[in-house]
N, C-alpha and C. Protein backbone atom coordinates (compact mmCIF):
# COMPACT_ATOMS: atom_id res chain seq x y z
N MET A 1 -5.32 -71.63 -6.45
CA MET A 1 -4.97 -71.39 -7.84
C MET A 1 -6.19 -71.64 -8.73
N ASP A 2 -6.28 -70.87 -9.78
CA ASP A 2 -7.34 -70.95 -10.76
C ASP A 2 -7.36 -72.34 -11.42
N GLU A 3 -8.54 -72.86 -11.70
CA GLU A 3 -8.65 -74.12 -12.45
C GLU A 3 -8.01 -73.93 -13.83
N ILE A 4 -7.34 -74.97 -14.33
CA ILE A 4 -6.69 -74.89 -15.64
C ILE A 4 -7.58 -75.57 -16.68
N ILE A 5 -7.78 -74.88 -17.79
CA ILE A 5 -8.57 -75.40 -18.91
C ILE A 5 -7.60 -75.77 -20.03
N TYR A 6 -7.78 -76.94 -20.60
CA TYR A 6 -6.95 -77.42 -21.69
C TYR A 6 -7.80 -77.48 -22.96
N PHE A 7 -7.28 -76.92 -24.06
CA PHE A 7 -8.02 -77.00 -25.31
C PHE A 7 -7.05 -77.09 -26.48
N GLU A 8 -7.59 -77.53 -27.62
CA GLU A 8 -6.78 -77.75 -28.82
C GLU A 8 -7.40 -77.00 -29.99
N LEU A 9 -6.55 -76.27 -30.72
CA LEU A 9 -6.97 -75.57 -31.93
C LEU A 9 -5.99 -75.93 -33.05
N ASN A 10 -6.48 -75.93 -34.28
CA ASN A 10 -5.65 -76.23 -35.44
C ASN A 10 -5.99 -75.19 -36.50
N ASN A 11 -5.00 -74.72 -37.26
CA ASN A 11 -5.25 -73.62 -38.19
C ASN A 11 -5.71 -74.07 -39.58
N TRP A 12 -6.09 -75.33 -39.76
CA TRP A 12 -6.40 -75.83 -41.10
C TRP A 12 -7.68 -75.21 -41.68
N PHE A 13 -8.85 -75.43 -41.08
CA PHE A 13 -10.10 -74.91 -41.62
C PHE A 13 -10.87 -74.14 -40.55
N SER A 14 -11.15 -72.87 -40.85
CA SER A 14 -12.00 -72.08 -39.97
C SER A 14 -13.37 -72.76 -39.90
N GLY A 15 -13.87 -72.89 -38.70
CA GLY A 15 -15.18 -73.51 -38.52
C GLY A 15 -15.08 -74.97 -38.12
N ARG A 16 -14.19 -75.70 -38.75
CA ARG A 16 -14.03 -77.11 -38.41
C ARG A 16 -12.91 -77.32 -37.38
N ASP A 17 -11.77 -76.66 -37.59
CA ASP A 17 -10.58 -76.90 -36.76
C ASP A 17 -10.35 -75.81 -35.72
N TYR A 18 -11.05 -74.74 -35.84
CA TYR A 18 -11.15 -73.71 -34.81
C TYR A 18 -12.47 -72.99 -35.04
N PRO A 19 -13.10 -72.46 -33.99
CA PRO A 19 -14.41 -71.83 -34.16
C PRO A 19 -14.37 -70.66 -35.15
N ASP A 20 -15.38 -70.60 -35.99
CA ASP A 20 -15.51 -69.52 -36.96
C ASP A 20 -16.17 -68.33 -36.27
N ALA A 21 -15.43 -67.73 -35.34
CA ALA A 21 -15.94 -66.62 -34.53
C ALA A 21 -14.74 -65.91 -33.93
N GLU A 22 -14.98 -64.71 -33.45
CA GLU A 22 -13.92 -63.99 -32.73
C GLU A 22 -13.87 -64.50 -31.30
N PRO A 23 -12.71 -64.53 -30.69
CA PRO A 23 -11.41 -64.05 -31.15
C PRO A 23 -10.62 -65.08 -31.96
N PHE A 24 -11.21 -66.27 -32.18
CA PHE A 24 -10.48 -67.34 -32.84
C PHE A 24 -10.02 -66.97 -34.25
N ASN A 25 -10.87 -66.25 -35.00
CA ASN A 25 -10.47 -65.84 -36.35
C ASN A 25 -9.25 -64.93 -36.32
N THR A 26 -9.18 -64.04 -35.35
CA THR A 26 -8.01 -63.16 -35.22
C THR A 26 -6.78 -63.97 -34.82
N TRP A 27 -6.94 -64.89 -33.89
CA TRP A 27 -5.81 -65.69 -33.40
C TRP A 27 -5.29 -66.66 -34.46
N MET A 28 -6.20 -67.24 -35.27
CA MET A 28 -5.83 -68.35 -36.15
C MET A 28 -5.93 -68.04 -37.63
N GLY A 29 -6.49 -66.90 -38.01
CA GLY A 29 -6.80 -66.63 -39.41
C GLY A 29 -5.63 -66.27 -40.31
N ASP A 30 -4.51 -65.85 -39.76
CA ASP A 30 -3.35 -65.46 -40.57
C ASP A 30 -2.24 -66.47 -40.33
N ASP A 31 -2.02 -67.35 -41.31
CA ASP A 31 -1.04 -68.43 -41.15
C ASP A 31 0.37 -67.95 -40.84
N LEU A 32 0.69 -66.72 -41.20
CA LEU A 32 2.03 -66.20 -40.94
C LEU A 32 2.16 -65.54 -39.57
N HIS A 33 1.03 -65.32 -38.90
CA HIS A 33 1.04 -64.67 -37.59
C HIS A 33 0.05 -65.36 -36.66
N LEU A 34 0.27 -66.63 -36.41
CA LEU A 34 -0.61 -67.38 -35.51
C LEU A 34 -0.30 -66.97 -34.07
N LYS A 35 -1.31 -66.49 -33.39
CA LYS A 35 -1.11 -65.88 -32.06
C LYS A 35 -0.47 -66.84 -31.06
N PHE A 36 -0.80 -68.13 -31.14
CA PHE A 36 -0.27 -69.07 -30.15
C PHE A 36 1.17 -69.49 -30.46
N GLU A 37 1.76 -68.97 -31.53
CA GLU A 37 3.19 -69.14 -31.80
C GLU A 37 3.99 -67.94 -31.29
N ASP A 38 3.30 -66.94 -30.77
CA ASP A 38 3.94 -65.74 -30.25
C ASP A 38 4.35 -66.00 -28.79
N TYR A 39 5.61 -66.34 -28.61
CA TYR A 39 6.13 -66.73 -27.29
C TYR A 39 5.86 -65.65 -26.24
N LYS A 40 6.15 -64.41 -26.60
CA LYS A 40 5.99 -63.31 -25.64
C LYS A 40 4.52 -63.14 -25.23
N TRP A 41 3.61 -63.17 -26.20
CA TRP A 41 2.18 -63.02 -25.92
C TRP A 41 1.70 -64.17 -25.03
N CYS A 42 2.11 -65.39 -25.36
CA CYS A 42 1.71 -66.55 -24.55
C CYS A 42 2.22 -66.41 -23.12
N LYS A 43 3.47 -66.00 -22.99
CA LYS A 43 4.08 -65.83 -21.67
C LYS A 43 3.36 -64.73 -20.87
N GLU A 44 3.10 -63.60 -21.52
CA GLU A 44 2.40 -62.49 -20.84
C GLU A 44 1.00 -62.88 -20.40
N ASN A 45 0.35 -63.75 -21.16
CA ASN A 45 -1.01 -64.20 -20.84
C ASN A 45 -1.04 -65.44 -19.96
N LYS A 46 0.16 -65.87 -19.50
CA LYS A 46 0.29 -67.03 -18.62
C LYS A 46 -0.33 -68.27 -19.24
N LEU A 47 -0.03 -68.47 -20.54
CA LEU A 47 -0.49 -69.65 -21.27
C LEU A 47 0.68 -70.60 -21.44
N CYS A 48 0.40 -71.88 -21.37
CA CYS A 48 1.39 -72.91 -21.68
C CYS A 48 0.89 -73.58 -22.96
N VAL A 49 1.66 -73.45 -24.02
CA VAL A 49 1.22 -73.90 -25.34
C VAL A 49 2.22 -74.88 -25.93
N ILE A 50 1.70 -75.99 -26.42
CA ILE A 50 2.51 -76.94 -27.19
C ILE A 50 2.13 -76.76 -28.65
N VAL A 51 3.13 -76.47 -29.49
CA VAL A 51 2.94 -76.27 -30.93
C VAL A 51 3.41 -77.53 -31.63
N ASN A 52 2.63 -77.99 -32.59
CA ASN A 52 2.98 -79.21 -33.30
C ASN A 52 2.51 -79.11 -34.75
N MET A 53 3.28 -79.64 -35.66
CA MET A 53 2.88 -79.67 -37.08
C MET A 53 2.15 -80.99 -37.34
N ILE A 54 1.02 -80.89 -38.03
CA ILE A 54 0.28 -82.07 -38.46
C ILE A 54 0.00 -81.87 -39.94
N ASP A 55 0.65 -82.68 -40.76
CA ASP A 55 0.61 -82.52 -42.21
C ASP A 55 1.04 -81.10 -42.55
N MET A 56 0.14 -80.29 -43.11
CA MET A 56 0.49 -78.91 -43.47
C MET A 56 -0.17 -77.90 -42.55
N SER A 57 -0.64 -78.34 -41.42
CA SER A 57 -1.31 -77.43 -40.49
C SER A 57 -0.53 -77.35 -39.18
N VAL A 58 -0.86 -76.33 -38.40
CA VAL A 58 -0.23 -76.14 -37.10
C VAL A 58 -1.28 -76.41 -36.04
N ASP A 59 -0.93 -77.27 -35.10
CA ASP A 59 -1.84 -77.66 -34.03
C ASP A 59 -1.33 -77.07 -32.72
N PHE A 60 -2.25 -76.61 -31.89
CA PHE A 60 -1.90 -76.01 -30.61
C PHE A 60 -2.65 -76.71 -29.49
N LEU A 61 -1.92 -77.19 -28.50
CA LEU A 61 -2.51 -77.65 -27.26
C LEU A 61 -2.24 -76.55 -26.25
N ILE A 62 -3.30 -76.03 -25.66
CA ILE A 62 -3.20 -74.83 -24.85
C ILE A 62 -3.70 -75.11 -23.43
N ALA A 63 -2.91 -74.71 -22.44
CA ALA A 63 -3.31 -74.77 -21.04
C ALA A 63 -3.45 -73.33 -20.57
N ALA A 64 -4.64 -72.98 -20.08
CA ALA A 64 -4.91 -71.60 -19.68
C ALA A 64 -5.74 -71.58 -18.40
N PRO A 65 -5.53 -70.57 -17.56
CA PRO A 65 -6.38 -70.42 -16.38
C PRO A 65 -7.85 -70.21 -16.81
N LYS A 66 -8.76 -70.76 -16.06
CA LYS A 66 -10.18 -70.62 -16.38
C LYS A 66 -10.57 -69.14 -16.48
N SER A 67 -10.00 -68.30 -15.62
CA SER A 67 -10.33 -66.87 -15.67
C SER A 67 -9.92 -66.26 -17.01
N TRP A 68 -8.79 -66.70 -17.60
CA TRP A 68 -8.36 -66.20 -18.91
C TRP A 68 -9.34 -66.67 -19.99
N VAL A 69 -9.75 -67.93 -19.92
CA VAL A 69 -10.71 -68.47 -20.89
C VAL A 69 -12.03 -67.71 -20.78
N MET A 70 -12.49 -67.48 -19.56
CA MET A 70 -13.77 -66.76 -19.37
C MET A 70 -13.70 -65.34 -19.90
N GLU A 71 -12.55 -64.71 -19.80
CA GLU A 71 -12.38 -63.34 -20.29
C GLU A 71 -12.19 -63.28 -21.81
N ASN A 72 -11.49 -64.25 -22.39
CA ASN A 72 -11.09 -64.16 -23.79
C ASN A 72 -11.89 -65.04 -24.75
N CYS A 73 -12.34 -66.18 -24.30
CA CYS A 73 -13.08 -67.09 -25.20
C CYS A 73 -14.07 -67.92 -24.39
N PRO A 74 -15.03 -67.26 -23.73
CA PRO A 74 -15.95 -67.96 -22.82
C PRO A 74 -16.83 -69.00 -23.50
N ASP A 75 -17.04 -68.88 -24.81
CA ASP A 75 -17.91 -69.84 -25.49
C ASP A 75 -17.37 -71.27 -25.40
N LEU A 76 -16.05 -71.43 -25.21
CA LEU A 76 -15.48 -72.77 -25.05
C LEU A 76 -16.09 -73.51 -23.87
N LEU A 77 -16.51 -72.77 -22.86
CA LEU A 77 -17.05 -73.38 -21.65
C LEU A 77 -18.57 -73.36 -21.61
N SER A 78 -19.19 -73.01 -22.72
CA SER A 78 -20.65 -72.91 -22.77
C SER A 78 -21.23 -74.10 -23.54
N ASP A 79 -22.53 -74.13 -23.59
CA ASP A 79 -23.24 -75.14 -24.39
C ASP A 79 -23.57 -74.59 -25.78
N LYS A 80 -22.98 -73.47 -26.14
CA LYS A 80 -23.26 -72.84 -27.43
C LYS A 80 -22.74 -73.68 -28.59
N THR A 81 -23.40 -73.51 -29.71
CA THR A 81 -22.97 -74.11 -30.97
C THR A 81 -22.81 -73.00 -31.99
N TYR A 82 -22.17 -73.31 -33.09
CA TYR A 82 -22.06 -72.37 -34.20
C TYR A 82 -22.20 -73.16 -35.49
N THR A 83 -22.61 -72.48 -36.55
CA THR A 83 -22.80 -73.11 -37.84
C THR A 83 -21.81 -72.54 -38.83
N THR A 84 -21.19 -73.42 -39.58
CA THR A 84 -20.23 -73.03 -40.62
C THR A 84 -20.73 -73.56 -41.95
N THR A 85 -20.55 -72.77 -42.99
CA THR A 85 -20.93 -73.17 -44.34
C THR A 85 -19.69 -73.51 -45.14
N PHE A 86 -19.68 -74.72 -45.67
CA PHE A 86 -18.60 -75.17 -46.55
C PHE A 86 -19.13 -75.21 -47.98
N ILE A 87 -18.27 -74.96 -48.93
CA ILE A 87 -18.65 -75.06 -50.34
C ILE A 87 -17.91 -76.25 -50.93
N SER A 88 -18.67 -77.20 -51.45
CA SER A 88 -18.11 -78.41 -52.04
C SER A 88 -18.18 -78.28 -53.56
N HIS A 89 -17.11 -78.66 -54.22
CA HIS A 89 -17.06 -78.64 -55.69
C HIS A 89 -16.92 -80.08 -56.15
N GLY A 90 -17.96 -80.62 -56.72
CA GLY A 90 -17.94 -82.01 -57.17
C GLY A 90 -18.55 -82.15 -58.54
N SER A 91 -18.83 -83.40 -58.90
CA SER A 91 -19.40 -83.68 -60.22
C SER A 91 -20.77 -83.04 -60.41
N GLU A 92 -21.46 -82.76 -59.31
CA GLU A 92 -22.78 -82.12 -59.37
C GLU A 92 -22.68 -80.60 -59.33
N GLY A 93 -21.49 -80.07 -59.39
CA GLY A 93 -21.28 -78.64 -59.34
C GLY A 93 -21.05 -78.16 -57.92
N GLU A 94 -21.19 -76.85 -57.72
CA GLU A 94 -20.96 -76.26 -56.41
C GLU A 94 -22.14 -76.56 -55.49
N LYS A 95 -21.82 -76.93 -54.27
CA LYS A 95 -22.84 -77.29 -53.30
C LYS A 95 -22.48 -76.68 -51.95
N LYS A 96 -23.42 -75.99 -51.31
CA LYS A 96 -23.19 -75.43 -49.98
C LYS A 96 -23.67 -76.43 -48.93
N ILE A 97 -22.79 -76.65 -47.95
CA ILE A 97 -23.10 -77.59 -46.87
C ILE A 97 -22.97 -76.83 -45.55
N GLU A 98 -24.03 -76.84 -44.76
CA GLU A 98 -23.98 -76.22 -43.44
C GLU A 98 -23.73 -77.29 -42.40
N GLN A 99 -22.82 -77.01 -41.50
CA GLN A 99 -22.46 -77.96 -40.45
C GLN A 99 -22.50 -77.25 -39.11
N GLU A 100 -23.12 -77.86 -38.12
CA GLU A 100 -23.18 -77.29 -36.78
C GLU A 100 -22.12 -77.94 -35.90
N TYR A 101 -21.44 -77.13 -35.09
CA TYR A 101 -20.38 -77.59 -34.20
C TYR A 101 -20.62 -77.07 -32.79
N ASP A 102 -20.15 -77.84 -31.81
CA ASP A 102 -20.15 -77.42 -30.41
C ASP A 102 -18.81 -76.78 -30.10
N TYR A 103 -18.83 -75.69 -29.38
CA TYR A 103 -17.58 -75.09 -28.92
C TYR A 103 -16.80 -76.06 -28.03
N LYS A 104 -17.51 -76.85 -27.25
CA LYS A 104 -16.86 -77.75 -26.29
C LYS A 104 -16.01 -78.83 -26.96
N GLN A 105 -16.19 -79.04 -28.26
CA GLN A 105 -15.41 -80.07 -28.94
C GLN A 105 -13.91 -79.78 -28.91
N PHE A 106 -13.54 -78.53 -28.63
CA PHE A 106 -12.14 -78.15 -28.62
C PHE A 106 -11.47 -78.38 -27.25
N LEU A 107 -12.26 -78.70 -26.24
CA LEU A 107 -11.71 -78.95 -24.90
C LEU A 107 -11.01 -80.30 -24.85
N CYS A 108 -9.95 -80.39 -24.08
CA CYS A 108 -9.21 -81.64 -23.88
C CYS A 108 -9.54 -82.15 -22.48
N GLU A 109 -10.02 -83.36 -22.42
CA GLU A 109 -10.39 -83.96 -21.14
C GLU A 109 -9.34 -84.99 -20.74
N PRO A 110 -9.04 -85.10 -19.46
CA PRO A 110 -8.05 -86.09 -19.03
C PRO A 110 -8.58 -87.52 -19.21
N ASP A 111 -7.66 -88.43 -19.47
CA ASP A 111 -7.96 -89.85 -19.46
C ASP A 111 -6.91 -90.55 -18.61
N GLU A 112 -6.84 -91.87 -18.66
CA GLU A 112 -5.91 -92.60 -17.79
C GLU A 112 -4.44 -92.27 -18.07
N ASN A 113 -4.14 -91.69 -19.23
CA ASN A 113 -2.76 -91.35 -19.58
C ASN A 113 -2.42 -89.88 -19.35
N GLY A 114 -3.37 -89.11 -18.88
CA GLY A 114 -3.13 -87.68 -18.68
C GLY A 114 -4.04 -86.85 -19.57
N ILE A 115 -3.62 -85.64 -19.86
CA ILE A 115 -4.41 -84.75 -20.71
C ILE A 115 -3.74 -84.71 -22.07
N ARG A 116 -4.49 -85.09 -23.08
CA ARG A 116 -3.92 -85.20 -24.42
C ARG A 116 -4.77 -84.41 -25.41
N GLY A 117 -4.21 -84.25 -26.61
CA GLY A 117 -4.96 -83.59 -27.66
C GLY A 117 -6.27 -84.30 -27.91
N SER A 118 -7.31 -83.55 -28.20
CA SER A 118 -8.63 -84.14 -28.33
C SER A 118 -9.03 -84.40 -29.78
N ARG A 119 -8.33 -83.77 -30.72
CA ARG A 119 -8.79 -83.85 -32.10
C ARG A 119 -7.74 -84.41 -33.05
N TYR A 120 -6.55 -83.87 -33.04
CA TYR A 120 -5.53 -84.27 -34.00
C TYR A 120 -4.30 -84.85 -33.33
N ALA A 121 -3.93 -84.31 -32.21
CA ALA A 121 -2.68 -84.71 -31.57
C ALA A 121 -2.96 -85.63 -30.38
N GLU A 122 -3.74 -86.69 -30.61
CA GLU A 122 -4.06 -87.61 -29.52
C GLU A 122 -2.81 -88.23 -28.92
N TYR A 123 -1.76 -88.34 -29.70
CA TYR A 123 -0.51 -88.93 -29.22
C TYR A 123 0.27 -87.97 -28.33
N LEU A 124 -0.09 -86.71 -28.31
CA LEU A 124 0.65 -85.71 -27.56
C LEU A 124 -0.02 -85.47 -26.21
N VAL A 125 0.68 -85.77 -25.15
CA VAL A 125 0.13 -85.66 -23.80
C VAL A 125 0.82 -84.51 -23.07
N PHE A 126 0.03 -83.68 -22.38
CA PHE A 126 0.62 -82.65 -21.53
C PHE A 126 1.40 -83.35 -20.43
N PRO A 127 2.67 -83.01 -20.24
CA PRO A 127 3.43 -83.61 -19.12
C PRO A 127 2.77 -83.26 -17.78
N ASP A 128 2.97 -84.13 -16.78
CA ASP A 128 2.44 -83.86 -15.44
C ASP A 128 2.89 -82.47 -14.97
N ASN A 129 2.01 -81.78 -14.30
CA ASN A 129 2.29 -80.45 -13.75
C ASN A 129 2.82 -79.49 -14.81
N PHE A 130 2.34 -79.65 -16.05
CA PHE A 130 2.82 -78.82 -17.16
C PHE A 130 2.51 -77.35 -16.95
N TYR A 131 1.33 -77.07 -16.40
CA TYR A 131 0.97 -75.67 -16.20
C TYR A 131 1.73 -75.12 -15.01
N SER A 132 2.77 -74.34 -15.30
CA SER A 132 3.57 -73.70 -14.25
C SER A 132 4.28 -72.50 -14.87
N PRO A 133 4.69 -71.53 -14.04
CA PRO A 133 5.40 -70.36 -14.57
C PRO A 133 6.63 -70.72 -15.41
N ASN A 134 7.29 -71.84 -15.11
CA ASN A 134 8.45 -72.26 -15.91
C ASN A 134 8.07 -72.57 -17.35
N ASN A 135 6.81 -72.92 -17.58
CA ASN A 135 6.37 -73.32 -18.90
C ASN A 135 5.52 -72.27 -19.61
N PHE A 136 5.35 -71.08 -19.02
CA PHE A 136 4.59 -70.04 -19.70
C PHE A 136 5.29 -69.73 -21.02
N GLY A 137 4.51 -69.59 -22.07
CA GLY A 137 5.04 -69.37 -23.42
C GLY A 137 4.61 -70.51 -24.31
N CYS A 138 5.32 -70.70 -25.40
CA CYS A 138 4.99 -71.79 -26.31
C CYS A 138 6.24 -72.60 -26.58
N ARG A 139 6.05 -73.85 -26.86
CA ARG A 139 7.15 -74.74 -27.19
C ARG A 139 6.70 -75.67 -28.31
N TYR A 140 7.63 -76.02 -29.16
CA TYR A 140 7.35 -76.87 -30.30
C TYR A 140 7.79 -78.29 -30.00
N TYR A 141 6.94 -79.25 -30.35
CA TYR A 141 7.30 -80.65 -30.16
C TYR A 141 7.51 -81.31 -31.52
N ASP A 142 8.69 -81.90 -31.71
CA ASP A 142 9.03 -82.64 -32.91
C ASP A 142 8.87 -84.13 -32.59
N GLU A 143 7.73 -84.69 -33.01
CA GLU A 143 7.46 -86.09 -32.63
C GLU A 143 8.36 -87.08 -33.34
N TYR A 144 8.93 -86.72 -34.49
CA TYR A 144 9.81 -87.64 -35.21
C TYR A 144 11.14 -87.84 -34.49
N GLU A 145 11.63 -86.78 -33.88
CA GLU A 145 12.90 -86.85 -33.15
C GLU A 145 12.71 -86.88 -31.64
N ASP A 146 11.43 -86.78 -31.19
CA ASP A 146 11.10 -86.72 -29.77
C ASP A 146 11.92 -85.64 -29.07
N ARG A 147 11.84 -84.41 -29.63
CA ARG A 147 12.58 -83.27 -29.08
C ARG A 147 11.64 -82.09 -28.89
N TRP A 148 11.99 -81.21 -27.94
CA TRP A 148 11.23 -80.00 -27.62
C TRP A 148 12.09 -78.78 -27.95
N PHE A 149 11.42 -77.70 -28.43
CA PHE A 149 12.12 -76.47 -28.78
C PHE A 149 11.33 -75.26 -28.29
N ILE A 150 12.05 -74.19 -27.98
CA ILE A 150 11.44 -72.88 -27.76
C ILE A 150 12.05 -71.93 -28.78
N PRO A 151 11.38 -70.80 -29.05
CA PRO A 151 11.90 -69.90 -30.09
C PRO A 151 13.12 -69.11 -29.62
N ASN A 152 13.98 -68.76 -30.59
CA ASN A 152 15.12 -67.88 -30.30
C ASN A 152 14.65 -66.43 -30.40
N GLU A 153 15.58 -65.49 -30.37
CA GLU A 153 15.23 -64.05 -30.41
C GLU A 153 14.42 -63.67 -31.66
N GLU A 154 14.64 -64.37 -32.77
CA GLU A 154 13.93 -64.07 -34.01
C GLU A 154 12.57 -64.78 -34.08
N GLY A 155 12.24 -65.56 -33.06
CA GLY A 155 10.96 -66.26 -33.04
C GLY A 155 10.99 -67.60 -33.75
N ILE A 156 12.19 -68.10 -34.08
CA ILE A 156 12.32 -69.39 -34.76
C ILE A 156 12.59 -70.46 -33.72
N PHE A 157 11.86 -71.57 -33.79
CA PHE A 157 11.99 -72.66 -32.81
C PHE A 157 13.30 -73.41 -33.05
N LYS A 158 14.39 -72.92 -32.45
CA LYS A 158 15.71 -73.52 -32.64
C LYS A 158 16.41 -73.89 -31.34
N ILE A 159 15.88 -73.45 -30.21
CA ILE A 159 16.54 -73.74 -28.92
C ILE A 159 15.94 -75.02 -28.35
N GLN A 160 16.77 -76.08 -28.29
CA GLN A 160 16.29 -77.35 -27.79
C GLN A 160 16.27 -77.33 -26.27
N ILE A 161 15.18 -77.88 -25.70
CA ILE A 161 15.02 -77.94 -24.25
C ILE A 161 14.66 -79.36 -23.84
N ASP A 162 14.82 -79.66 -22.55
CA ASP A 162 14.36 -80.95 -22.05
C ASP A 162 12.92 -80.80 -21.56
N THR A 163 12.34 -81.87 -21.06
CA THR A 163 10.93 -81.83 -20.66
C THR A 163 10.67 -80.92 -19.47
N GLU A 164 11.72 -80.53 -18.73
CA GLU A 164 11.56 -79.58 -17.62
C GLU A 164 11.76 -78.14 -18.07
N GLY A 165 12.12 -77.93 -19.34
CA GLY A 165 12.31 -76.58 -19.85
C GLY A 165 13.75 -76.09 -19.77
N ASN A 166 14.68 -76.94 -19.36
CA ASN A 166 16.09 -76.56 -19.31
C ASN A 166 16.69 -76.55 -20.72
N ILE A 167 17.46 -75.53 -21.02
CA ILE A 167 18.05 -75.41 -22.35
C ILE A 167 19.16 -76.43 -22.53
N ILE A 168 19.07 -77.17 -23.64
CA ILE A 168 20.10 -78.16 -24.00
C ILE A 168 21.09 -77.53 -24.96
N GLY A 169 20.60 -76.74 -25.89
CA GLY A 169 21.45 -76.09 -26.89
C GLY A 169 20.63 -75.59 -28.04
N GLU A 170 21.28 -74.92 -28.98
CA GLU A 170 20.60 -74.37 -30.15
C GLU A 170 21.02 -75.16 -31.37
N ILE A 171 20.04 -75.51 -32.21
CA ILE A 171 20.36 -76.25 -33.43
C ILE A 171 20.68 -75.27 -34.54
N GLU A 172 21.44 -75.71 -35.49
CA GLU A 172 21.83 -74.87 -36.64
C GLU A 172 20.71 -74.75 -37.63
């Protein structure tokens, strides 16, 4: 089986929370159509995605075969960097700030507790053996209620599941 790569993206700021480059801008640039919330697309691409809300942003923990990463976003596995320009508005007026980032900063590395979010969702750990055909697609984790959901036919995360992916029921 192909090696599994784990990475985390967040839709808050292009350049800081996801690379300011393609295909990331296409995947993350439209808040109403975030690609990793598309259950069917994730399933077809054999991705296992955990969706989580952090403040007003959407965070994604993604498990993907290395071959998929190499085909779709190979810079994650390279030593490449990219530069993003931010505009700051302060008492001194408008100021442009250039910041350099490593693509590798988005990778999630295992620690003694398993594989967890590397940037924002450090408390969220991929369950053991999470990458499997049963988990292809995306699922939402509600940390306040400690519950998991998958989307219904309309794409709304309303179907509650257990940690093995078995359907418990649909919430109103």
